[in-house]
Amino acid sequence: MISAVDLRAGMTFVQDGKLIRVLEASHHKPGKGNTVMRMKLRDVRSGATYDTTFRPDEKFERAYLETKEVQYLYSMGDVATFMDLETYEQYEIQTSTIENELKYLLENMEAKIQFYGSEVIGVELPTTVVLTVAETQPSIKGATVTGSGKPATMETGLVVNVPDFIETGEALEINTSEGTYMRRAQK
């Protein structure tokens, strides 16, 4: 059992038979009354997100997840296929449940999939990925790093704000947790 006060972003717990992942957690002390924990949560199976509050002493069953190293093979229709790197077993995940994660994955890229028992519940991305700019506005002569930036569409369809000097075809390092440009990729 885990107390609400100990829940952090990324943790998963079971509530009323549902598998719930914490997206955001914060302590809140209203002017009057007791402290509460404000949470933004996602139902792992349905994908629904919602905001709620808990008393700090409320207890939940912690969900223990197992992860496996996999390789993303391809997406066809509404299914994404991954292969276990040790056993070569293939796993299929509905693309609707990992829609955001697919924006960071290229075919043959390594990632981790998470299991709750024998149920595949999601994809754990590496902290950074290297993606190529598929489309962006032409670079502006004399542009500096401190400019406001411009949108760039990556090869996976992800749109990232990049500095003005970035051009189409460049490989960039992208932070997967925030979806932000970090730097040009090393060659």
Protein backbone atom coordinates (compact mmCIF):
# COMPACT_ATOMS: atom_id res chain seq x y z
CA MET A 1 0.00 0.00 0.00
CA ILE A 2 1.14 3.51 -0.76
CA SER A 3 -0.13 6.79 0.68
CA ALA A 4 -1.40 9.58 -1.57
CA VAL A 5 1.32 11.88 -0.21
CA ASP A 6 3.97 9.47 -1.58
CA LEU A 7 2.55 9.31 -5.13
CA ARG A 8 4.76 10.93 -7.78
CA ALA A 9 4.47 11.51 -11.53
CA GLY A 10 5.05 8.25 -13.41
CA MET A 11 3.86 5.96 -10.59
CA THR A 12 1.02 3.51 -11.21
CA PHE A 13 -1.56 2.29 -8.68
CA VAL A 14 -4.81 0.35 -8.56
CA GLN A 15 -8.05 2.11 -7.58
CA ASP A 16 -11.47 0.45 -7.79
CA GLY A 17 -10.04 -2.24 -10.09
CA LYS A 18 -8.67 0.36 -12.51
CA LEU A 19 -4.99 0.79 -13.33
CA ILE A 20 -4.17 4.49 -12.79
CA ARG A 21 -0.96 6.36 -13.74
CA VAL A 22 -0.02 9.63 -12.03
CA LEU A 23 0.72 12.36 -14.58
CA GLU A 24 1.12 15.22 -12.10
CA ALA A 25 1.05 15.39 -8.31
CA SER A 26 1.24 18.40 -6.01
CA HIS A 27 0.65 19.28 -2.37
CA HIS A 28 -2.05 21.91 -1.85
CA LYS A 29 -2.80 23.73 1.40
CA PRO A 30 -6.02 25.73 1.08
CA GLY A 31 -6.54 28.79 3.28
CA LYS A 32 -8.92 26.86 5.52
CA GLY A 33 -9.04 23.14 6.02
CA ASN A 34 -6.61 20.30 5.64
CA THR A 35 -3.86 19.72 3.12
CA VAL A 36 -4.89 17.81 -0.02
CA MET A 37 -2.98 16.15 -2.84
CA ARG A 38 -3.96 17.47 -6.28
CA MET A 39 -3.47 14.84 -8.96
CA LYS A 40 -3.76 14.61 -12.71
CA LEU A 41 -4.35 10.94 -13.46
CA ARG A 42 -4.76 8.68 -16.49
CA ASP A 43 -6.73 5.45 -16.62
CA VAL A 44 -4.14 3.24 -18.32
CA ARG A 45 -6.63 0.94 -20.01
CA SER A 46 -9.12 3.52 -21.33
CA GLY A 47 -6.69 6.42 -21.78
CA ALA A 48 -9.05 8.86 -20.03
CA THR A 49 -7.36 11.63 -18.03
CA TYR A 50 -8.89 13.48 -15.12
CA ASP A 51 -8.01 15.75 -12.20
CA THR A 52 -8.83 14.84 -8.63
CA THR A 53 -7.79 15.41 -5.03
CA PHE A 54 -6.96 12.96 -2.26
CA ARG A 55 -6.35 13.27 1.46
CA PRO A 56 -2.62 12.75 2.10
CA ASP A 57 -3.30 9.68 4.27
CA GLU A 58 -5.45 7.81 1.70
CA LYS A 59 -3.94 4.44 0.79
CA PHE A 60 -3.73 2.74 -2.61
CA GLU A 61 -2.45 -0.58 -3.88
CA ARG A 62 0.76 0.04 -5.78
CA ALA A 63 0.85 -1.58 -9.22
CA TYR A 64 4.14 -3.32 -9.89
CA LEU A 65 5.05 -3.11 -13.54
CA GLU A 66 7.53 -5.26 -15.39
CA THR A 67 9.45 -3.80 -18.33
CA LYS A 68 11.03 -5.57 -21.30
CA GLU A 69 13.52 -4.28 -23.85
CA VAL A 70 11.86 -4.27 -27.26
CA GLN A 71 12.32 -3.04 -30.78
CA TYR A 72 9.54 -1.08 -32.49
CA LEU A 73 8.87 -2.87 -35.77
CA TYR A 74 5.96 -1.10 -37.48
CA SER A 75 2.41 0.22 -37.24
CA MET A 76 -0.30 -1.12 -39.48
CA GLY A 77 -3.86 0.11 -39.18
CA ASP A 78 -4.64 0.57 -35.49
CA VAL A 79 -1.93 -1.78 -34.15
CA ALA A 80 1.76 -1.14 -33.38
CA THR A 81 4.04 -4.18 -33.32
CA PHE A 82 7.07 -4.58 -31.03
CA MET A 83 9.57 -7.45 -30.74
CA ASP A 84 11.22 -8.68 -27.53
CA LEU A 85 14.99 -8.39 -28.00
CA GLU A 86 15.74 -11.58 -26.05
CA THR A 87 13.00 -14.02 -27.06
CA TYR A 88 11.96 -12.46 -30.40
CA GLU A 89 8.34 -12.71 -29.25
CA GLN A 90 6.11 -10.05 -30.82
CA TYR A 91 3.63 -7.84 -28.95
CA GLU A 92 0.82 -5.82 -30.46
CA ILE A 93 -0.44 -2.63 -28.82
CA GLN A 94 -3.42 -0.54 -29.93
CA THR A 95 -2.06 2.68 -31.44
CA SER A 96 -4.81 4.68 -29.70
CA THR A 97 -3.28 3.85 -26.29
CA ILE A 98 0.26 4.89 -27.28
CA GLU A 99 -0.55 7.69 -29.71
CA ASN A 100 1.80 10.19 -28.03
CA GLU A 101 4.71 7.72 -27.73
CA LEU A 102 4.53 6.80 -31.44
CA LYS A 103 5.47 10.40 -32.32
CA TYR A 104 8.96 9.64 -30.95
CA LEU A 105 9.46 6.17 -32.43
CA LEU A 106 11.01 5.22 -35.76
CA GLU A 107 10.94 1.70 -37.14
CA ASN A 108 13.66 -0.52 -35.60
CA MET A 109 14.14 1.90 -32.67
CA GLU A 110 14.61 0.36 -29.23
CA ALA A 111 12.23 1.13 -26.36
CA LYS A 112 10.70 -0.65 -23.37
CA ILE A 113 7.17 -1.96 -22.99
CA GLN A 114 5.45 -2.18 -19.63
CA PHE A 115 3.45 -5.15 -18.38
CA TYR A 116 0.98 -5.40 -15.53
CA GLY A 117 0.84 -9.15 -15.04
CA SER A 118 0.58 -10.48 -18.61
CA GLU A 119 -1.20 -7.35 -19.91
CA VAL A 120 0.80 -4.93 -22.07
CA ILE A 121 -0.07 -1.45 -20.81
CA GLY A 122 2.33 0.97 -22.45
CA VAL A 123 5.62 2.04 -23.92
CA GLU A 124 8.49 3.60 -21.96
CA LEU A 125 10.54 5.86 -24.20
CA PRO A 126 14.25 6.62 -23.91
CA THR A 127 14.95 10.10 -22.44
CA THR A 128 16.03 11.47 -25.80
CA VAL A 129 15.59 10.43 -29.43
CA VAL A 130 17.20 11.62 -32.64
CA LEU A 131 14.71 12.65 -35.34
CA THR A 132 15.16 14.36 -38.69
CA VAL A 133 13.38 17.60 -39.59
CA ALA A 134 10.91 16.79 -42.39
CA GLU A 135 9.58 20.32 -42.83
CA THR A 136 10.25 23.79 -41.45
CA GLN A 137 10.43 27.37 -42.65
CA PRO A 138 13.69 28.40 -44.35
CA SER A 139 16.40 29.60 -41.98
CA ILE A 140 16.72 33.32 -41.46
CA LYS A 141 20.11 34.90 -42.16
CA GLY A 142 21.68 36.19 -38.96
CA ALA A 143 19.31 34.19 -36.72
CA THR A 144 20.59 33.55 -33.22
CA VAL A 145 19.94 30.86 -30.66
CA THR A 146 18.06 33.36 -28.47
CA GLY A 147 15.32 33.97 -31.06
CA SER A 148 11.75 32.93 -30.43
CA GLY A 149 12.10 29.93 -32.73
CA LYS A 150 9.87 28.36 -35.34
CA PRO A 151 7.84 25.14 -35.60
CA ALA A 152 9.47 22.13 -37.25
CA THR A 153 7.67 18.94 -38.24
CA MET A 154 9.81 15.88 -37.58
CA GLU A 155 9.80 12.71 -39.70
CA THR A 156 7.34 11.03 -37.29
CA GLY A 157 4.83 13.93 -37.45
CA LEU A 158 5.89 15.43 -34.11
CA VAL A 159 5.92 19.24 -34.16
CA VAL A 160 8.71 20.85 -32.11
CA ASN A 161 9.68 24.50 -31.65
CA VAL A 162 13.28 24.89 -32.87
CA PRO A 163 15.75 27.80 -33.20
CA ASP A 164 15.53 29.89 -36.39
CA PHE A 165 18.82 28.52 -37.84
CA ILE A 166 17.56 24.89 -38.06
CA GLU A 167 16.88 23.67 -41.61
CA THR A 168 14.93 20.83 -43.21
CA GLY A 169 16.93 17.57 -43.23
CA GLU A 170 18.87 18.23 -40.01
CA ALA A 171 18.98 15.54 -37.29
CA LEU A 172 17.95 16.87 -33.89
CA GLU A 173 18.00 15.48 -30.36
CA ILE A 174 14.50 15.67 -28.83
CA ASN A 175 13.59 15.36 -25.13
CA THR A 176 10.76 12.77 -24.99
CA SER A 177 9.34 13.76 -21.60
CA GLU A 178 8.75 17.40 -22.62
CA GLY A 179 8.69 17.11 -26.42
CA THR A 180 11.31 19.85 -26.78
CA TYR A 181 14.36 20.49 -28.95
CA MET A 182 17.65 19.95 -27.08
CA ARG A 183 20.42 20.30 -29.69
CA ARG A 184 21.61 19.21 -33.09
CA ALA A 185 22.43 15.49 -33.09
CA GLN A 186 26.08 14.44 -33.18
CA LYS A 187 27.13 12.89 -36.49
